[in-house]
Protein backbone atom coordinates (compact mmCIF):
# COMPACT_ATOMS: atom_id res chain seq x y z
CA MET A 1 87.92 152.98 -48.60
CA LYS A 2 85.30 155.13 -50.37
CA LEU A 3 87.59 155.60 -53.35
CA PHE A 4 87.92 151.82 -53.70
CA GLN A 5 84.11 151.46 -53.69
CA GLN A 6 83.68 154.17 -56.34
CA MET A 7 86.28 152.50 -58.57
CA LEU A 8 84.50 149.16 -58.19
CA VAL A 9 81.10 150.63 -59.08
CA ALA A 10 82.56 152.59 -62.02
CA GLY A 11 84.23 149.48 -63.42
CA ALA A 12 81.05 147.47 -63.12
CA SER A 13 79.06 150.24 -64.81
CA LEU A 14 81.41 150.18 -67.79
CA SER A 15 80.92 146.44 -68.03
CA LEU A 16 77.18 147.10 -68.35
CA ILE A 17 77.54 149.74 -71.03
CA ALA A 18 79.75 147.61 -73.26
CA PRO A 19 77.08 144.92 -73.94
CA ILE A 20 74.51 147.64 -74.82
CA ALA A 21 76.81 149.04 -77.48
CA ALA A 22 77.49 145.59 -78.88
CA GLN A 23 73.79 144.70 -78.95
CA ALA A 24 72.82 147.98 -80.59
CA SER A 25 75.15 147.18 -83.51
CA ASP A 26 73.30 143.85 -83.95
CA TYR A 27 69.90 145.55 -84.23
CA VAL A 28 70.99 148.38 -86.55
CA ASN A 29 73.34 147.20 -89.35
CA LEU A 30 74.55 150.31 -91.18
CA ASP A 31 75.66 148.33 -94.23
CA GLU A 32 72.18 146.80 -94.63
CA ILE A 33 70.60 150.25 -94.32
CA LYS A 34 72.79 151.56 -97.14
CA SER A 35 72.02 148.50 -99.25
CA TYR A 36 68.30 149.01 -98.64
CA SER A 37 68.36 152.61 -99.82
CA ARG A 38 70.10 151.66 -103.10
CA SER A 39 67.87 148.66 -103.91
CA ASN A 40 65.76 148.80 -107.10
CA LYS A 41 63.43 146.13 -105.80
CA SER A 42 59.87 147.23 -105.21
CA LYS A 43 59.68 145.05 -102.15
CA SER A 44 62.17 145.28 -99.31
CA THR A 45 62.54 143.92 -95.81
CA LYS A 46 61.20 146.33 -93.21
CA PHE A 47 62.23 146.63 -89.60
CA ASP A 48 59.90 144.96 -87.14
CA SER A 49 59.65 147.66 -84.47
CA LYS A 50 57.85 145.35 -82.08
CA THR A 51 60.67 142.82 -82.20
CA PHE A 52 63.25 145.58 -81.66
CA ILE A 53 61.38 146.98 -78.66
CA ASP A 54 60.97 143.52 -77.13
CA ASN A 55 64.72 142.85 -77.41
CA VAL A 56 65.59 146.21 -75.88
CA ASN A 57 63.15 145.65 -73.03
CA GLU A 58 64.79 142.31 -72.27
CA ASP A 59 68.22 143.97 -72.15
CA ILE A 60 66.97 146.80 -69.95
CA ALA A 61 65.56 144.23 -67.54
CA GLY A 62 68.95 142.48 -67.48
CA ILE A 63 70.74 145.77 -66.85
CA LYS A 64 68.38 146.62 -63.99
CA GLY A 65 69.14 143.27 -62.41
CA ARG A 66 72.84 143.94 -62.62
CA ILE A 67 72.41 147.41 -61.07
CA ASP A 68 70.40 145.91 -58.20
CA GLY A 69 73.21 143.42 -57.65
CA LEU A 70 75.77 146.25 -57.57
CA GLU A 71 73.73 148.15 -54.99
CA VAL A 72 73.67 145.09 -52.75
CA LEU A 73 77.46 144.68 -53.18
CA GLN A 74 78.09 148.34 -52.35
CA LYS A 75 76.02 148.08 -49.16
CA GLU A 76 78.03 145.02 -48.12
CA LEU A 77 81.29 146.91 -48.70
CA GLU A 78 80.07 149.91 -46.70
CA ALA A 79 78.99 147.65 -43.84
CA GLY A 80 82.51 146.23 -43.55
CA SER A 81 84.39 149.54 -43.82
CA PHE A 82 85.36 152.32 -41.42
CA SER A 83 83.01 155.24 -40.94
CA ASP A 84 83.58 158.35 -43.03
CA THR A 85 85.20 160.07 -40.04
CA THR A 86 87.71 157.32 -39.11
CA THR A 87 91.27 157.36 -40.39
CA LEU A 88 94.01 154.78 -40.01
CA ASP A 89 97.77 155.25 -40.11
CA GLY A 90 100.63 153.40 -38.52
CA LYS A 91 104.23 152.31 -38.58
CA ALA A 92 106.54 149.33 -38.41
CA VAL A 93 109.91 149.68 -36.69
CA PHE A 94 112.92 147.39 -37.14
CA ALA A 95 116.02 147.89 -34.98
CA ILE A 96 119.36 146.14 -34.62
CA GLY A 97 122.07 146.96 -32.10
CA ALA A 98 123.86 146.19 -28.85
CA ILE A 99 124.94 147.93 -25.63
CA ASP A 100 128.41 147.28 -24.22
CA GLY A 101 128.35 147.50 -20.42
CA ASN A 102 124.60 146.92 -20.28
CA ASP A 103 125.20 144.01 -17.89
CA ASN A 104 126.13 146.59 -15.24
CA LEU A 105 122.58 147.93 -15.54
CA GLY A 106 121.06 144.46 -15.24
CA ASP A 107 120.50 143.68 -18.94
CA GLY A 108 122.28 141.84 -21.76
CA GLN A 109 124.99 142.90 -24.22
CA ALA A 110 124.10 140.67 -27.18
CA VAL A 111 123.26 142.01 -30.63
CA THR A 112 119.48 141.93 -30.87
CA ALA A 113 116.91 142.83 -33.53
CA PRO A 114 113.61 143.94 -31.94
CA TYR A 115 110.55 145.23 -33.77
CA VAL A 116 107.35 147.26 -33.26
CA TYR A 117 104.12 147.28 -35.27
CA GLN A 118 101.64 150.03 -34.48
CA MET A 119 98.26 151.21 -35.84
CA ASN A 120 96.65 154.55 -35.00
CA LEU A 121 92.89 155.01 -35.34
CA ASN A 122 91.34 158.49 -35.14
CA THR A 123 87.57 159.02 -35.18
CA SER A 124 85.64 162.30 -35.02
CA PHE A 125 81.97 162.45 -34.09
CA THR A 126 81.38 166.21 -34.32
CA GLY A 127 84.23 167.43 -36.52
CA ASP A 128 86.00 169.06 -33.56
CA ASP A 129 86.51 166.08 -31.25
CA ASN A 130 88.69 162.99 -31.60
CA LEU A 131 88.70 159.44 -30.25
CA TYR A 132 92.25 158.05 -30.47
CA VAL A 133 93.07 154.35 -30.25
CA ARG A 134 96.56 152.90 -30.66
CA LEU A 135 96.97 149.17 -31.33
CA LYS A 136 100.50 147.88 -30.82
CA THR A 137 102.60 144.74 -30.74
CA ALA A 138 106.34 144.29 -30.31
CA SER A 139 109.06 141.86 -29.34
CA GLY A 140 112.78 141.66 -28.62
CA TRP A 141 113.21 144.80 -26.50
CA VAL A 142 114.33 143.11 -23.25
CA ASP A 143 117.81 144.67 -23.35
CA TRP A 144 116.42 148.05 -24.38
CA THR A 145 113.68 148.79 -21.85
CA ASN A 146 115.41 149.15 -18.50
CA LYS A 147 116.91 152.16 -16.78
CA LEU A 148 118.92 154.72 -18.76
CA ALA A 149 119.42 152.65 -21.94
CA TYR A 150 115.69 152.60 -22.74
CA HIS A 151 115.22 152.85 -26.53
CA ILE A 152 112.79 155.50 -27.78
CA GLU A 153 110.71 152.74 -29.47
CA GLY A 154 111.12 150.18 -26.68
CA SER A 155 108.14 148.08 -25.59
CA SER A 156 107.43 145.33 -23.06
CA TYR A 157 104.90 143.57 -25.32
CA ASN A 158 105.88 140.08 -26.43
CA ASP A 159 104.25 139.34 -29.80
CA THR A 160 100.79 140.19 -28.44
CA LEU A 161 98.50 142.81 -29.99
CA ASN A 162 97.32 145.27 -27.35
CA VAL A 163 95.23 148.38 -26.98
CA ASP A 164 98.26 150.48 -26.09
CA LYS A 165 96.58 153.91 -25.84
CA ILE A 166 92.98 155.12 -25.86
CA TRP A 167 91.56 158.56 -25.07
CA TYR A 168 88.96 161.11 -26.14
CA THR A 169 89.58 164.84 -26.78
CA PHE A 170 86.90 167.48 -27.22
CA PRO A 171 86.71 171.30 -27.20
CA ILE A 172 85.02 173.39 -24.53
CA GLY A 173 84.32 176.74 -26.11
CA ASP A 174 86.97 178.39 -28.30
CA LYS A 175 90.06 178.16 -26.10
CA PHE A 176 89.65 175.14 -23.82
CA THR A 177 90.24 171.48 -24.71
CA ALA A 178 89.48 168.52 -22.46
CA THR A 179 91.02 165.05 -22.66
CA LEU A 180 90.20 161.87 -20.77
CA GLY A 181 90.93 158.21 -21.22
CA PRO A 182 91.77 154.89 -19.54
CA LYS A 183 95.20 154.62 -21.21
CA ILE A 184 97.15 157.85 -21.58
CA GLU A 185 100.36 159.52 -20.38
CA ASN A 186 100.47 163.01 -18.91
CA TYR A 187 102.60 164.51 -21.69
CA TYR A 188 99.94 163.86 -24.34
CA MET A 189 97.75 166.41 -22.57
CA LEU A 190 100.29 169.25 -22.27
CA ALA A 191 99.36 172.73 -23.45
CA ALA A 192 102.66 173.18 -25.30
CA THR A 193 105.57 171.06 -26.54
CA PRO A 194 108.37 171.42 -23.95
CA SER A 195 111.18 170.37 -26.32
CA VAL A 196 111.79 170.20 -30.09
CA TYR A 197 114.74 167.83 -29.74
CA LYS A 198 113.88 164.53 -31.41
CA PRO A 199 115.74 161.60 -29.76
CA GLY A 200 117.51 159.22 -32.12
CA ALA A 201 117.99 156.33 -29.69
CA LEU A 202 117.33 157.10 -26.01
CA LYS A 203 113.98 157.86 -24.41
CA ALA A 204 115.91 159.64 -21.65
CA PHE A 205 116.22 162.73 -23.88
CA LYS A 206 112.52 162.96 -24.70
CA LEU A 207 110.69 166.16 -23.63
CA GLY A 208 113.91 167.84 -22.54
CA GLY A 209 114.67 165.07 -20.04
CA HIS A 210 112.19 162.27 -19.36
CA SER A 211 112.38 162.54 -15.60
CA SER A 212 110.66 164.32 -12.72
CA ALA A 213 107.54 166.02 -14.12
CA PHE A 214 107.40 164.14 -17.43
CA GLY A 215 108.46 160.67 -16.32
CA ALA A 216 105.31 158.86 -17.32
CA SER A 217 103.41 155.61 -17.13
CA THR A 218 100.39 154.61 -19.22
CA SER A 219 97.46 155.05 -16.87
CA THR A 220 93.99 156.51 -16.45
CA GLY A 221 94.16 160.25 -17.02
CA ALA A 222 92.31 163.48 -17.64
CA GLY A 223 93.43 166.96 -18.57
CA LEU A 224 92.24 170.46 -19.36
CA THR A 225 94.13 172.87 -21.64
CA TYR A 226 93.74 176.59 -22.26
CA LYS A 227 95.41 178.22 -25.27
CA ALA A 228 95.28 181.97 -25.86
CA ASP A 229 95.80 183.61 -29.25
CA ASN A 230 99.03 185.32 -28.15
CA GLY A 231 101.01 182.10 -27.46
CA PHE A 232 100.20 181.81 -23.75
CA ALA A 233 98.94 178.38 -22.67
CA VAL A 234 98.12 176.50 -19.45
CA SER A 235 97.31 172.84 -18.84
CA THR A 236 96.46 170.71 -15.82
CA THR A 237 96.60 166.92 -16.00
CA PHE A 238 95.91 164.10 -13.54
CA ASN A 239 96.98 160.45 -13.86
CA SER A 240 96.29 157.43 -11.67
CA LYS A 241 97.92 154.00 -11.98
CA GLN A 242 95.30 152.26 -9.84
CA ALA A 243 92.08 153.70 -11.29
CA ARG A 244 91.53 150.59 -13.43
CA THR A 245 92.21 148.18 -10.53
CA THR A 246 90.34 147.18 -7.39
CA SER A 247 92.51 149.63 -5.42
CA GLY A 248 90.74 152.57 -7.06
CA LEU A 249 91.31 156.31 -7.20
CA PHE A 250 92.57 158.40 -4.25
CA THR A 251 93.17 155.43 -1.95
CA LYS A 252 96.31 154.68 0.04
CA GLN A 253 97.23 152.15 -2.64
CA ASP A 254 96.84 154.63 -5.50
CA GLN A 255 99.83 156.03 -7.39
CA ASN A 256 98.95 159.38 -8.87
CA LYS A 257 100.42 162.53 -10.36
CA LEU A 258 99.06 166.05 -10.84
CA ASN A 259 100.87 168.23 -13.41
CA THR A 260 100.35 171.92 -14.21
CA GLN A 261 102.22 173.56 -17.10
CA VAL A 262 102.43 177.28 -17.84
CA ALA A 263 103.95 178.04 -21.24
CA TYR A 264 104.58 180.78 -23.76
CA SER A 265 105.34 179.68 -27.33
CA LYS A 266 106.00 181.34 -30.66
CA ASP A 267 106.96 179.83 -34.01
CA ASN A 268 110.66 179.69 -33.22
CA TYR A 269 110.92 179.73 -29.41
CA HIS A 270 109.27 178.47 -26.22
CA VAL A 271 109.61 178.77 -22.43
CA SER A 272 107.64 176.83 -19.82
CA ALA A 273 107.52 175.70 -16.22
CA THR A 274 105.74 172.52 -15.14
CA TYR A 275 104.91 171.77 -11.52
CA SER A 276 104.15 168.19 -10.52
CA LYS A 277 102.76 166.81 -7.27
CA GLN A 278 103.15 163.06 -6.95
CA ARG A 279 102.20 160.25 -4.59
CA GLY A 280 103.68 156.78 -4.96
CA TRP A 281 104.85 157.70 -8.48
CA ASN A 282 108.35 156.45 -9.32
CA SER A 283 108.49 156.65 -13.12
CA TRP A 284 111.87 158.38 -13.19
CA SER A 285 113.94 155.39 -14.32
CA TYR A 286 114.44 156.73 -17.84
CA TYR A 287 116.63 159.54 -16.53
CA SER A 288 117.75 159.07 -12.92
CA THR A 289 120.26 157.21 -10.77
CA TYR A 290 119.84 154.30 -8.36
CA ASP A 291 119.34 156.47 -5.27
CA LEU A 292 116.28 158.13 -6.80
CA GLN A 293 114.84 155.06 -8.54
CA ASN A 294 115.05 152.78 -5.53
CA GLY A 295 113.66 153.55 -2.12
CA ALA A 296 110.62 155.34 -3.51
CA GLY A 297 107.59 153.70 -1.85
CA THR A 298 104.58 153.24 -4.10
CA THR A 299 101.61 152.36 -1.88
CA GLY A 300 100.16 152.72 1.57
CA ASP A 301 101.46 154.98 4.32
CA SER A 302 105.02 154.52 3.02
CA ALA A 303 104.21 155.95 -0.42
CA THR A 304 106.80 158.52 -1.45
CA LYS A 305 105.50 162.05 -1.94
CA ALA A 306 107.34 164.41 -4.26
CA ASP A 307 107.09 167.98 -5.51
CA THR A 308 108.93 168.61 -8.75
CA VAL A 309 109.55 171.50 -11.13
CA ALA A 310 110.59 171.09 -14.78
CA LEU A 311 111.94 174.19 -16.56
CA ARG A 312 112.04 174.01 -20.34
CA ALA A 313 113.07 176.26 -23.23
CA TRP A 314 113.78 175.81 -26.91
CA TRP A 315 114.74 177.91 -29.90
CA ARG A 316 115.02 177.04 -33.59
CA PRO A 317 116.31 179.06 -36.55
CA GLN A 318 114.01 180.48 -39.20
CA GLU A 319 115.78 178.46 -41.92
CA THR A 320 117.03 174.86 -41.97
CA GLY A 321 120.09 173.58 -43.78
CA THR A 322 122.47 175.95 -42.01
CA ALA A 323 125.16 175.42 -39.37
CA THR A 324 122.81 176.83 -36.72
CA PRO A 325 120.90 174.07 -34.89
CA SER A 326 117.68 174.10 -32.91
CA ILE A 327 118.45 174.14 -29.19
CA SER A 328 116.38 172.48 -26.45
CA VAL A 329 117.28 172.71 -22.76
CA GLY A 330 115.74 171.25 -19.64
CA TYR A 331 116.39 171.46 -15.91
CA ASP A 332 114.56 169.41 -13.27
CA ILE A 333 114.45 169.56 -9.50
CA ILE A 334 112.64 167.21 -7.13
CA ASP A 335 111.86 167.47 -3.41
CA PHE A 336 110.91 164.35 -1.42
CA GLY A 337 110.73 165.92 2.01
CA LEU A 338 111.17 163.05 4.48
CA THR A 339 109.33 160.38 2.47
CA HIS A 340 112.15 158.75 0.46
CA ASP A 341 113.40 155.48 1.95
CA ASN A 342 116.99 156.03 0.76
CA GLY A 343 117.23 159.22 2.80
CA VAL A 344 117.19 161.46 -0.30
CA ALA A 345 115.68 164.87 0.32
CA GLU A 346 116.30 166.55 -3.04
CA GLY A 347 117.61 165.80 -6.53
CA SER A 348 118.25 167.53 -9.85
CA GLY A 349 119.26 166.92 -13.48
CA TYR A 350 119.66 168.69 -16.81
CA MET A 351 119.66 168.04 -20.56
CA VAL A 352 120.76 169.91 -23.72
CA GLY A 353 119.71 168.74 -27.19
CA LEU A 354 120.75 170.04 -30.63
CA ASN A 355 119.17 169.24 -34.01
CA TRP A 356 120.33 170.19 -37.50
CA ALA A 357 117.76 169.65 -40.26
CA ASP A 358 118.12 169.35 -44.08
CA MET A 359 121.91 169.30 -43.92
CA ILE A 360 122.83 166.72 -46.57
CA GLN A 361 119.48 165.98 -48.19
CA PRO A 362 115.87 167.12 -47.62
CA ASP A 363 114.19 165.85 -44.43
CA ASP A 364 117.38 164.51 -42.88
CA LYS A 365 118.37 165.29 -39.28
CA ILE A 366 121.51 165.31 -37.17
CA GLY A 367 121.01 165.04 -33.42
CA LEU A 368 123.29 165.48 -30.43
CA ALA A 369 122.16 165.41 -26.81
CA VAL A 370 124.07 165.49 -23.52
CA GLY A 371 122.92 165.62 -19.95
CA GLN A 372 123.12 164.68 -16.34
CA PRO A 373 120.42 162.24 -15.28
CA MET A 374 118.66 163.24 -12.06
CA LYS A 375 120.77 162.43 -9.03
CA ALA A 376 120.46 163.00 -5.29
CA THR A 377 121.78 166.40 -4.23
CA LYS A 378 120.66 166.59 -0.59
CA ALA A 379 120.11 164.01 2.13
CA THR A 380 117.59 164.10 4.96
CA ALA A 381 118.82 164.78 8.47
CA GLY A 382 120.97 161.97 9.83
CA ASN A 383 121.73 160.52 6.38
CA THR A 384 124.68 160.94 4.02
CA LEU A 385 124.87 160.73 0.23
CA ASP A 386 127.06 158.26 -1.63
CA GLU A 387 125.98 159.39 -5.08
CA VAL A 388 127.66 159.03 -8.48
CA ASP A 389 128.15 161.87 -10.95
CA PRO A 390 126.29 160.56 -14.02
CA PHE A 391 126.64 161.73 -17.62
CA LEU A 392 124.68 160.51 -20.69
CA TRP A 393 124.93 161.36 -24.41
CA GLU A 394 123.74 160.32 -27.88
CA LEU A 395 124.65 161.20 -31.48
CA TYR A 396 122.68 160.19 -34.58
CA TYR A 397 121.91 160.89 -38.22
CA SER A 398 118.48 160.16 -39.71
CA PHE A 399 117.59 160.22 -43.40
CA ARG A 400 114.65 159.31 -45.63
CA PRO A 401 115.12 157.10 -48.70
CA ASN A 402 111.53 158.14 -49.53
CA ASP A 403 108.59 159.83 -47.85
CA SER A 404 107.54 156.70 -45.94
CA ILE A 405 110.86 155.27 -44.68
CA GLU A 406 113.28 156.77 -42.15
CA VAL A 407 116.65 155.20 -41.25
CA THR A 408 118.47 156.32 -38.09
CA PRO A 409 121.97 155.06 -37.21
CA ALA A 410 122.90 156.18 -33.68
CA ILE A 411 125.60 155.80 -31.06
CA PHE A 412 125.24 156.63 -27.38
CA GLY A 413 126.99 156.21 -24.09
CA GLY A 414 127.36 157.25 -20.48
CA THR A 415 129.65 157.22 -17.48
CA ASP A 416 128.91 156.57 -13.80
CA LEU A 417 125.29 156.21 -14.80
CA TYR A 418 123.54 154.29 -12.11
CA LYS A 419 125.04 153.19 -8.81
CA THR A 420 128.83 152.99 -9.06
CA THR A 421 131.65 154.46 -11.15
CA ASP A 422 131.76 151.15 -13.06
CA ASP A 423 128.37 151.81 -14.61
CA ASP A 424 129.63 152.91 -18.04
CA ILE A 425 127.95 151.99 -21.31
CA PHE A 426 128.45 152.40 -25.05
CA GLY A 427 125.79 151.41 -27.56
CA ALA A 428 125.11 151.41 -31.29
CA VAL A 429 121.77 150.87 -33.00
CA VAL A 430 120.19 151.31 -36.42
CA THR A 431 116.45 151.99 -36.31
CA THR A 432 114.34 151.83 -39.49
CA THR A 433 110.79 153.16 -39.44
CA PHE A 434 108.19 152.40 -42.12
CA LYS A 435 105.18 154.74 -41.97
CA PHE A 436 101.86 154.12 -43.70
């Protein structure tokens, strides 16, 4: 925005200089001066200095008026622009695809073409802090936002522009960072990235398995992170779904989650363990079966309580463009005690993701992920399990026609995914992302 203002002022300044040059040539005619010096006449026309000065003074007054007008215009432009410390970037996402067998999961199988438009605003007040605001609108994702076929860009918005995320981050000393906000997910406040696998289609494979500890919901949250110089890091986060409602924090109606991550990361590898204590929190639908998704009470005395552990590790090669991929693995366990209405006492799941970068052209990526969504593994006393053996996978290739556009064709599928052995799906989607 500042560059545009400087260009405008510079252009206007040039327009002021040009008339001065033209007028100067009117007052001082070089040909007449030469003719005067060669004249044999005893009398010659002399310059009237007073007239010259008067004309110049009039032009200077006109120039000053124009400069005053430019200053007013510049102030108006500055008043309508962002502050010097605010930046804007964003993206538009177009997708087209369909999911065969999606009717078994409660959604449609038609070919659909959803979209997302998103703007990210970042503002710093001290140079070390940041206020983040995400504005977002979307439409057409109805068949892509339920259960295990949830698209990585999926959204429930329906052509309405919303404040999708908003939080504030600031340092406390040299090694601590605090974050708080009314709209944030727990994984934005983690001390370290638990997975380097980038999903091409399914949100289920995000963060090494988007399930027990990392299954998230946009809510009021706060977190504190400690990062040492040797790669060791710790974070604690808290989220509440009812903090912005009349139910309030820490009530029987509240749904909340407390996460603590301990991690050790270097440039090419990472290991971490994340413990999560949850009450009334059932955001596991991205990567879990029917028995875990349903029967989890959300409020009151019947609210389900869960203790979960998410183990994560990743490794990536020093060089890209080789046959050796980056490897991300995740393993999750969850313990409900006696609080799950379906009689589930424990559950578990795993995920493995591989990425190859710069294989055919610069900045391209091949991705392959497989895994078992979280399923019930132990029943409470007096109950029996009738659980499926789920399996989910995706394969994709992403490439960049230029620095601002990414195209990702992907296929994915699964067997025995949700409730019965008939819950099989196969999907194909092309996702195009325009970044600005």
